Amino acid sequence: MAKDVRGRRRYVTTRKQGTHQLRHYYASVTLPAGVGINELAEYLGHSDPAFTLRVYAHMQTTSYERAREAIDKRMSHLRLAVGQN
């Protein structure tokens, strides 16, 4: 804990600790859930979505994963329909 210019105690945080990490957590949860980079940039207050992309691109699901999930979902519907007959 540190004191500010008025002598009041305040918590000292860094980018690796404290509320800044909540922003990273928010991005790491919302991106894989389908929130787009443009929307996330707006939510985080970034004026340039390219900055958001550079920082958080590794958290996005890949197109391979999205394609696999789409096919898995479709095939499970087919299996259910075939199994009911």
PDB file of N, CA and C in Angstrom:
ATOM      1  N   MET A   1       0.841  -1.158   0.000  1.00  0.00           N
ATOM      2  CA  MET A   1       0.000   0.000   0.000  1.00  0.00           C
ATOM      3  C   MET A   1       0.897   1.236   0.000  1.00  0.00           C
ATOM      4  N   ALA A   2       0.465   2.265  -0.719  1.00  0.00           N
ATOM      5  CA  ALA A   2       1.234   3.503  -0.801  1.00  0.00           C
ATOM      6  C   ALA A   2       0.337   4.668  -0.395  1.00  0.00           C
ATOM      7  N   LYS A   3       0.934   5.828  -0.253  1.00  0.00           N
ATOM      8  CA  LYS A   3       0.162   7.029   0.077  1.00  0.00           C
ATOM      9  C   LYS A   3       0.179   7.973  -1.115  1.00  0.00           C
ATOM     10  N   ASP A   4      -0.968   8.629  -1.340  1.00  0.00           N
ATOM     11  CA  ASP A   4      -1.029   9.592  -2.437  1.00  0.00           C
ATOM     12  C   ASP A   4      -0.506  10.946  -1.959  1.00  0.00           C
ATOM     13  N   VAL A   5      -0.606  11.967  -2.804  1.00  0.00           N
ATOM     14  CA  VAL A   5      -0.043  13.284  -2.479  1.00  0.00           C
ATOM     15  C   VAL A   5      -0.723  13.924  -1.267  1.00  0.00           C
ATOM     16  N   ARG A   6      -1.925  13.503  -0.947  1.00  0.00           N
ATOM     17  CA  ARG A   6      -2.636  14.052   0.211  1.00  0.00           C
ATOM     18  C   ARG A   6      -2.399  13.225   1.470  1.00  0.00           C
ATOM     19  N   GLY A   7      -1.563  12.203   1.365  1.00  0.00           N
ATOM     20  CA  GLY A   7      -1.260  11.375   2.515  1.00  0.00           C
ATOM     21  C   GLY A   7      -2.239  10.239   2.742  1.00  0.00           C
ATOM     22  N   ARG A   8      -3.212  10.093   1.842  1.00  0.00           N
ATOM     23  CA  ARG A   8      -4.175   9.001   1.978  1.00  0.00           C
ATOM     24  C   ARG A   8      -3.559   7.699   1.481  1.00  0.00           C
ATOM     25  N   ARG A   9      -3.943   6.606   2.112  1.00  0.00           N
ATOM     26  CA  ARG A   9      -3.464   5.306   1.658  1.00  0.00           C
ATOM     27  C   ARG A   9      -4.230   4.889   0.406  1.00  0.00           C
ATOM     28  N   ARG A  10      -3.538   4.243  -0.514  1.00  0.00           N
ATOM     29  CA  ARG A  10      -4.183   3.710  -1.714  1.00  0.00           C
ATOM     30  C   ARG A  10      -3.466   2.438  -2.120  1.00  0.00           C
ATOM     31  N   TYR A  11      -4.183   1.610  -2.842  1.00  0.00           N
ATOM     32  CA  TYR A  11      -3.587   0.370  -3.320  1.00  0.00           C
ATOM     33  C   TYR A  11      -2.793   0.644  -4.574  1.00  0.00           C
ATOM     34  N   VAL A  12      -1.666   0.015  -4.678  1.00  0.00           N
ATOM     35  CA  VAL A  12      -0.823   0.135  -5.862  1.00  0.00           C
ATOM     36  C   VAL A  12      -0.984  -1.148  -6.661  1.00  0.00           C
ATOM     37  N   THR A  13      -1.312  -0.999  -7.930  1.00  0.00           N
ATOM     38  CA  THR A  13      -1.444  -2.171  -8.799  1.00  0.00           C
ATOM     39  C   THR A  13      -0.550  -1.990 -10.014  1.00  0.00           C
ATOM     40  N   THR A  14      -0.320  -3.083 -10.671  1.00  0.00           N
ATOM     41  CA  THR A  14       0.446  -3.065 -11.907  1.00  0.00           C
ATOM     42  C   THR A  14      -0.402  -3.695 -12.996  1.00  0.00           C
ATOM     43  N   ARG A  15       0.118  -3.715 -14.210  1.00  0.00           N
ATOM     44  CA  ARG A  15      -0.605  -4.365 -15.306  1.00  0.00           C
ATOM     45  C   ARG A  15      -0.730  -5.865 -15.079  1.00  0.00           C
ATOM     46  N   LYS A  16       0.151  -6.432 -14.283  1.00  0.00           N
ATOM     47  CA  LYS A  16       0.107  -7.869 -14.017  1.00  0.00           C
ATOM     48  C   LYS A  16      -0.788  -8.209 -12.838  1.00  0.00           C
ATOM     49  N   GLN A  17      -1.213  -7.217 -12.106  1.00  0.00           N
ATOM     50  CA  GLN A  17      -2.065  -7.423 -10.947  1.00  0.00           C
ATOM     51  C   GLN A  17      -3.173  -6.382 -10.972  1.00  0.00           C
ATOM     52  N   GLY A  18      -4.264  -6.682 -10.337  1.00  0.00           N
ATOM     53  CA  GLY A  18      -5.314  -5.690 -10.166  1.00  0.00           C
ATOM     54  C   GLY A  18      -6.351  -5.689 -11.257  1.00  0.00           C
ATOM     55  N   THR A  19      -7.029  -4.555 -11.359  1.00  0.00           N
ATOM     56  CA  THR A  19      -8.186  -4.460 -12.248  1.00  0.00           C
ATOM     57  C   THR A  19      -7.834  -4.589 -13.727  1.00  0.00           C
ATOM     58  N   HIS A  20      -6.608  -4.283 -14.104  1.00  0.00           N
ATOM     59  CA  HIS A  20      -6.229  -4.428 -15.511  1.00  0.00           C
ATOM     60  C   HIS A  20      -6.382  -5.880 -15.962  1.00  0.00           C
ATOM     61  N   GLN A  21      -6.139  -6.801 -15.064  1.00  0.00           N
ATOM     62  CA  GLN A  21      -6.289  -8.220 -15.403  1.00  0.00           C
ATOM     63  C   GLN A  21      -7.741  -8.580 -15.674  1.00  0.00           C
ATOM     64  N   LEU A  22      -8.676  -7.851 -15.086  1.00  0.00           N
ATOM     65  CA  LEU A  22     -10.089  -8.105 -15.368  1.00  0.00           C
ATOM     66  C   LEU A  22     -10.403  -7.849 -16.838  1.00  0.00           C
ATOM     67  N   ARG A  23      -9.747  -6.858 -17.430  1.00  0.00           N
ATOM     68  CA  ARG A  23      -9.943  -6.590 -18.859  1.00  0.00           C
ATOM     69  C   ARG A  23      -9.476  -7.778 -19.688  1.00  0.00           C
ATOM     70  N   HIS A  24      -8.333  -8.321 -19.338  1.00  0.00           N
ATOM     71  CA  HIS A  24      -7.812  -9.481 -20.066  1.00  0.00           C
ATOM     72  C   HIS A  24      -8.716 -10.691 -19.867  1.00  0.00           C
ATOM     73  N   TYR A  25      -9.208 -10.877 -18.673  1.00  0.00           N
ATOM     74  CA  TYR A  25     -10.113 -11.983 -18.411  1.00  0.00           C
ATOM     75  C   TYR A  25     -11.389 -11.822 -19.240  1.00  0.00           C
ATOM     76  N   TYR A  26     -11.937 -10.612 -19.268  1.00  0.00           N
ATOM     77  CA  TYR A  26     -13.137 -10.318 -20.049  1.00  0.00           C
ATOM     78  C   TYR A  26     -12.904 -10.679 -21.517  1.00  0.00           C
ATOM     79  N   ALA A  27     -11.781 -10.263 -22.066  1.00  0.00           N
ATOM     80  CA  ALA A  27     -11.470 -10.571 -23.463  1.00  0.00           C
ATOM     81  C   ALA A  27     -11.307 -12.070 -23.668  1.00  0.00           C
ATOM     82  N   SER A  28     -10.652 -12.747 -22.731  1.00  0.00           N
ATOM     83  CA  SER A  28     -10.400 -14.179 -22.898  1.00  0.00           C
ATOM     84  C   SER A  28     -11.676 -15.005 -22.796  1.00  0.00           C
ATOM     85  N   VAL A  29     -12.692 -14.476 -22.161  1.00  0.00           N
ATOM     86  CA  VAL A  29     -13.972 -15.182 -22.069  1.00  0.00           C
ATOM     87  C   VAL A  29     -14.860 -14.849 -23.262  1.00  0.00           C
ATOM     88  N   THR A  30     -14.891 -13.584 -23.657  1.00  0.00           N
ATOM     89  CA  THR A  30     -15.832 -13.174 -24.700  1.00  0.00           C
ATOM     90  C   THR A  30     -15.387 -13.529 -26.110  1.00  0.00           C
ATOM     91  N   LEU A  31     -14.108 -13.466 -26.408  1.00  0.00           N
ATOM     92  CA  LEU A  31     -13.653 -13.796 -27.764  1.00  0.00           C
ATOM     93  C   LEU A  31     -13.966 -15.233 -28.160  1.00  0.00           C
ATOM     94  N   PRO A  32     -13.603 -16.222 -27.374  1.00  0.00           N
ATOM     95  CA  PRO A  32     -13.943 -17.594 -27.764  1.00  0.00           C
ATOM     96  C   PRO A  32     -15.449 -17.849 -27.820  1.00  0.00           C
ATOM     97  N   ALA A  33     -16.221 -17.014 -27.130  1.00  0.00           N
ATOM     98  CA  ALA A  33     -17.675 -17.167 -27.135  1.00  0.00           C
ATOM     99  C   ALA A  33     -18.309 -16.539 -28.373  1.00  0.00           C
ATOM    100  N   GLY A  34     -17.508 -15.884 -29.207  1.00  0.00           N
ATOM    101  CA  GLY A  34     -18.029 -15.362 -30.467  1.00  0.00           C
ATOM    102  C   GLY A  34     -18.109 -13.864 -30.600  1.00  0.00           C
ATOM    103  N   VAL A  35     -17.718 -13.112 -29.583  1.00  0.00           N
ATOM    104  CA  VAL A  35     -17.692 -11.653 -29.717  1.00  0.00           C
ATOM    105  C   VAL A  35     -16.583 -11.291 -30.698  1.00  0.00           C
ATOM    106  N   GLY A  36     -16.889 -10.437 -31.656  1.00  0.00           N
ATOM    107  CA  GLY A  36     -15.914 -10.049 -32.667  1.00  0.00           C
ATOM    108  C   GLY A  36     -14.902  -9.039 -32.153  1.00  0.00           C
ATOM    109  N   ILE A  37     -13.802  -8.951 -32.873  1.00  0.00           N
ATOM    110  CA  ILE A  37     -12.734  -8.014 -32.500  1.00  0.00           C
ATOM    111  C   ILE A  37     -13.237  -6.577 -32.499  1.00  0.00           C
ATOM    112  N   ASN A  38     -14.034  -6.188 -33.482  1.00  0.00           N
ATOM    113  CA  ASN A  38     -14.536  -4.810 -33.526  1.00  0.00           C
ATOM    114  C   ASN A  38     -15.385  -4.490 -32.304  1.00  0.00           C
ATOM    115  N   GLU A  39     -16.257  -5.431 -31.933  1.00  0.00           N
ATOM    116  CA  GLU A  39     -17.091  -5.208 -30.756  1.00  0.00           C
ATOM    117  C   GLU A  39     -16.249  -5.161 -29.488  1.00  0.00           C
ATOM    118  N   LEU A  40     -15.313  -6.092 -29.370  1.00  0.00           N
ATOM    119  CA  LEU A  40     -14.461  -6.108 -28.181  1.00  0.00           C
ATOM    120  C   LEU A  40     -13.660  -4.818 -28.065  1.00  0.00           C
ATOM    121  N   ALA A  41     -13.141  -4.330 -29.185  1.00  0.00           N
ATOM    122  CA  ALA A  41     -12.393  -3.065 -29.168  1.00  0.00           C
ATOM    123  C   ALA A  41     -13.268  -1.945 -28.616  1.00  0.00           C
ATOM    124  N   GLU A  42     -14.511  -1.921 -29.058  1.00  0.00           N
ATOM    125  CA  GLU A  42     -15.433  -0.896 -28.562  1.00  0.00           C
ATOM    126  C   GLU A  42     -15.691  -1.060 -27.070  1.00  0.00           C
ATOM    127  N   TYR A  43     -15.933  -2.291 -26.624  1.00  0.00           N
ATOM    128  CA  TYR A  43     -16.225  -2.540 -25.211  1.00  0.00           C
ATOM    129  C   TYR A  43     -15.040  -2.176 -24.317  1.00  0.00           C
ATOM    130  N   LEU A  44     -13.825  -2.417 -24.815  1.00  0.00           N
ATOM    131  CA  LEU A  44     -12.624  -2.123 -24.025  1.00  0.00           C
ATOM    132  C   LEU A  44     -12.182  -0.669 -24.145  1.00  0.00           C
ATOM    133  N   GLY A  45     -12.804   0.074 -25.056  1.00  0.00           N
ATOM    134  CA  GLY A  45     -12.453   1.477 -25.230  1.00  0.00           C
ATOM    135  C   GLY A  45     -11.243   1.700 -26.123  1.00  0.00           C
ATOM    136  N   HIS A  46     -10.908   0.701 -26.943  1.00  0.00           N
ATOM    137  CA  HIS A  46      -9.793   0.858 -27.880  1.00  0.00           C
ATOM    138  C   HIS A  46     -10.297   1.601 -29.112  1.00  0.00           C
ATOM    139  N   SER A  47      -9.573   2.616 -29.535  1.00  0.00           N
ATOM    140  CA  SER A  47      -9.998   3.377 -30.719  1.00  0.00           C
ATOM    141  C   SER A  47      -9.644   2.651 -32.008  1.00  0.00           C
ATOM    142  N   ASP A  48      -8.706   1.723 -31.943  1.00  0.00           N
ATOM    143  CA  ASP A  48      -8.268   1.005 -33.134  1.00  0.00           C
ATOM    144  C   ASP A  48      -8.434  -0.501 -32.934  1.00  0.00           C
ATOM    145  N   PRO A  49      -9.389  -1.140 -33.642  1.00  0.00           N
ATOM    146  CA  PRO A  49      -9.571  -2.584 -33.512  1.00  0.00           C
ATOM    147  C   PRO A  49      -8.310  -3.385 -33.865  1.00  0.00           C
ATOM    148  N   ALA A  50      -7.430  -2.814 -34.672  1.00  0.00           N
ATOM    149  CA  ALA A  50      -6.181  -3.508 -35.011  1.00  0.00           C
ATOM    150  C   ALA A  50      -5.322  -3.709 -33.760  1.00  0.00           C
ATOM    151  N   PHE A  51      -5.349  -2.746 -32.855  1.00  0.00           N
ATOM    152  CA  PHE A  51      -4.625  -2.895 -31.593  1.00  0.00           C
ATOM    153  C   PHE A  51      -5.202  -4.065 -30.801  1.00  0.00           C
ATOM    154  N   THR A  52      -6.527  -4.113 -30.718  1.00  0.00           N
ATOM    155  CA  THR A  52      -7.194  -5.204 -29.998  1.00  0.00           C
ATOM    156  C   THR A  52      -6.837  -6.543 -30.629  1.00  0.00           C
ATOM    157  N   LEU A  53      -6.828  -6.600 -31.944  1.00  0.00           N
ATOM    158  CA  LEU A  53      -6.481  -7.834 -32.650  1.00  0.00           C
ATOM    159  C   LEU A  53      -5.054  -8.260 -32.336  1.00  0.00           C
ATOM    160  N   ARG A  54      -4.116  -7.315 -32.333  1.00  0.00           N
ATOM    161  CA  ARG A  54      -2.723  -7.660 -32.023  1.00  0.00           C
ATOM    162  C   ARG A  54      -2.580  -8.226 -30.610  1.00  0.00           C
ATOM    163  N   VAL A  55      -3.338  -7.678 -29.674  1.00  0.00           N
ATOM    164  CA  VAL A  55      -3.215  -8.108 -28.284  1.00  0.00           C
ATOM    165  C   VAL A  55      -3.940  -9.429 -28.032  1.00  0.00           C
ATOM    166  N   TYR A  56      -5.107  -9.609 -28.642  1.00  0.00           N
ATOM    167  CA  TYR A  56      -5.967 -10.730 -28.270  1.00  0.00           C
ATOM    168  C   TYR A  56      -6.195 -11.768 -29.369  1.00  0.00           C
ATOM    169  N   ALA A  57      -5.518 -11.670 -30.479  1.00  0.00           N
ATOM    170  CA  ALA A  57      -5.756 -12.611 -31.587  1.00  0.00           C
ATOM    171  C   ALA A  57      -5.564 -14.061 -31.155  1.00  0.00           C
ATOM    172  N   HIS A  58      -4.616 -14.322 -30.287  1.00  0.00           N
ATOM    173  CA  HIS A  58      -4.351 -15.700 -29.870  1.00  0.00           C
ATOM    174  C   HIS A  58      -5.512 -16.307 -29.085  1.00  0.00           C
ATOM    175  N   MET A  59      -6.452 -15.487 -28.648  1.00  0.00           N
ATOM    176  CA  MET A  59      -7.586 -15.996 -27.876  1.00  0.00           C
ATOM    177  C   MET A  59      -8.787 -16.344 -28.748  1.00  0.00           C
ATOM    178  N   GLN A  60      -8.734 -15.978 -30.019  1.00  0.00           N
ATOM    179  CA  GLN A  60      -9.844 -16.283 -30.901  1.00  0.00           C
ATOM    180  C   GLN A  60      -9.825 -17.759 -31.278  1.00  0.00           C
ATOM    181  N   THR A  61     -11.026 -18.294 -31.471  1.00  0.00           N
ATOM    182  CA  THR A  61     -11.078 -19.656 -31.973  1.00  0.00           C
ATOM    183  C   THR A  61     -10.655 -19.625 -33.433  1.00  0.00           C
ATOM    184  N   THR A  62      -9.944 -20.637 -33.841  1.00  0.00           N
ATOM    185  CA  THR A  62      -9.481 -20.680 -35.226  1.00  0.00           C
ATOM    186  C   THR A  62     -10.625 -21.073 -36.149  1.00  0.00           C
ATOM    187  N   SER A  63     -10.466 -20.782 -37.424  1.00  0.00           N
ATOM    188  CA  SER A  63     -11.504 -21.166 -38.377  1.00  0.00           C
ATOM    189  C   SER A  63     -11.619 -22.688 -38.446  1.00  0.00           C
ATOM    190  N   TYR A  64     -10.521 -23.395 -38.234  1.00  0.00           N
ATOM    191  CA  TYR A  64     -10.565 -24.858 -38.213  1.00  0.00           C
ATOM    192  C   TYR A  64     -11.475 -25.341 -37.088  1.00  0.00           C
ATOM    193  N   GLU A  65     -11.326 -24.754 -35.909  1.00  0.00           N
ATOM    194  CA  GLU A  65     -12.171 -25.149 -34.780  1.00  0.00           C
ATOM    195  C   GLU A  65     -13.630 -24.826 -35.052  1.00  0.00           C
ATOM    196  N   ARG A  66     -13.897 -23.643 -35.613  1.00  0.00           N
ATOM    197  CA  ARG A  66     -15.286 -23.260 -35.916  1.00  0.00           C
ATOM    198  C   ARG A  66     -15.886 -24.191 -36.956  1.00  0.00           C
ATOM    199  N   ALA A  67     -15.106 -24.550 -37.976  1.00  0.00           N
ATOM    200  CA  ALA A  67     -15.603 -25.464 -39.009  1.00  0.00           C
ATOM    201  C   ALA A  67     -15.888 -26.839 -38.417  1.00  0.00           C
ATOM    202  N   ARG A  68     -14.991 -27.338 -37.591  1.00  0.00           N
ATOM    203  CA  ARG A  68     -15.191 -28.644 -36.963  1.00  0.00           C
ATOM    204  C   ARG A  68     -16.435 -28.634 -36.084  1.00  0.00           C
ATOM    205  N   GLU A  69     -16.611 -27.571 -35.309  1.00  0.00           N
ATOM    206  CA  GLU A  69     -17.778 -27.471 -34.441  1.00  0.00           C
ATOM    207  C   GLU A  69     -19.066 -27.410 -35.251  1.00  0.00           C
ATOM    208  N   ALA A  70     -19.054 -26.693 -36.368  1.00  0.00           N
ATOM    209  CA  ALA A  70     -20.249 -26.600 -37.217  1.00  0.00           C
ATOM    210  C   ALA A  70     -20.621 -27.970 -37.781  1.00  0.00           C
ATOM    211  N   ILE A  71     -19.628 -28.710 -38.253  1.00  0.00           N
ATOM    212  CA  ILE A  71     -19.895 -30.040 -38.802  1.00  0.00           C
ATOM    213  C   ILE A  71     -20.344 -30.993 -37.696  1.00  0.00           C
ATOM    214  N   ASP A  72     -19.685 -30.952 -36.547  1.00  0.00           N
ATOM    215  CA  ASP A  72     -20.094 -31.798 -35.418  1.00  0.00           C
ATOM    216  C   ASP A  72     -21.541 -31.533 -35.027  1.00  0.00           C
ATOM    217  N   LYS A  73     -21.908 -30.264 -34.980  1.00  0.00           N
ATOM    218  CA  LYS A  73     -23.278 -29.902 -34.607  1.00  0.00           C
ATOM    219  C   LYS A  73     -24.268 -30.433 -35.633  1.00  0.00           C
ATOM    220  N   ARG A  74     -23.961 -30.252 -36.907  1.00  0.00           N
ATOM    221  CA  ARG A  74     -24.857 -30.721 -37.970  1.00  0.00           C
ATOM    222  C   ARG A  74     -24.973 -32.239 -37.948  1.00  0.00           C
ATOM    223  N   MET A  75     -23.845 -32.923 -37.793  1.00  0.00           N
ATOM    224  CA  MET A  75     -23.852 -34.380 -37.807  1.00  0.00           C
ATOM    225  C   MET A  75     -24.602 -34.937 -36.595  1.00  0.00           C
ATOM    226  N   SER A  76     -24.534 -34.280 -35.466  1.00  0.00           N
ATOM    227  CA  SER A  76     -25.272 -34.777 -34.291  1.00  0.00           C
ATOM    228  C   SER A  76     -26.762 -34.668 -34.525  1.00  0.00           C
ATOM    229  N   HIS A  77     -27.224 -33.626 -35.252  1.00  0.00           N
ATOM    230  CA  HIS A  77     -28.637 -33.520 -35.595  1.00  0.00           C
ATOM    231  C   HIS A  77     -29.037 -34.652 -36.524  1.00  0.00           C
ATOM    232  N   LEU A  78     -28.167 -34.981 -37.475  1.00  0.00           N
ATOM    233  CA  LEU A  78     -28.467 -36.079 -38.410  1.00  0.00           C
ATOM    234  C   LEU A  78     -28.541 -37.407 -37.674  1.00  0.00           C
ATOM    235  N   ARG A  79     -27.608 -37.622 -36.749  1.00  0.00           N
ATOM    236  CA  ARG A  79     -27.621 -38.880 -35.990  1.00  0.00           C
ATOM    237  C   ARG A  79     -28.887 -39.012 -35.165  1.00  0.00           C
ATOM    238  N   LEU A  80     -29.336 -37.913 -34.598  1.00  0.00           N
ATOM    239  CA  LEU A  80     -30.579 -37.940 -33.807  1.00  0.00           C
ATOM    240  C   LEU A  80     -31.775 -38.267 -34.698  1.00  0.00           C
ATOM    241  N   ALA A  81     -31.825 -37.654 -35.876  1.00  0.00           N
ATOM    242  CA  ALA A  81     -32.941 -37.883 -36.799  1.00  0.00           C
ATOM    243  C   ALA A  81     -32.952 -39.330 -37.287  1.00  0.00           C
ATOM    244  N   VAL A  82     -31.804 -39.877 -37.620  1.00  0.00           N
ATOM    245  CA  VAL A  82     -31.710 -41.256 -38.106  1.00  0.00           C
ATOM    246  C   VAL A  82     -32.057 -42.228 -36.981  1.00  0.00           C
ATOM    247  N   GLY A  83     -31.611 -41.946 -35.785  1.00  0.00           N
ATOM    248  CA  GLY A  83     -31.861 -42.822 -34.647  1.00  0.00           C
ATOM    249  C   GLY A  83     -33.317 -42.854 -34.233  1.00  0.00           C
ATOM    250  N   GLN A  84     -34.092 -41.830 -34.558  1.00  0.00           N
ATOM    251  CA  GLN A  84     -35.503 -41.773 -34.166  1.00  0.00           C
ATOM    252  C   GLN A  84     -36.395 -42.580 -35.095  1.00  0.00           C
ATOM    253  N   ASN A  85     -35.936 -42.892 -36.306  1.00  0.00           N
ATOM    254  CA  ASN A  85     -36.740 -43.650 -37.276  1.00  0.00           C
ATOM    255  C   ASN A  85     -36.705 -45.114 -37.022  1.00  0.00           C
TER     256      ASN A  85
END
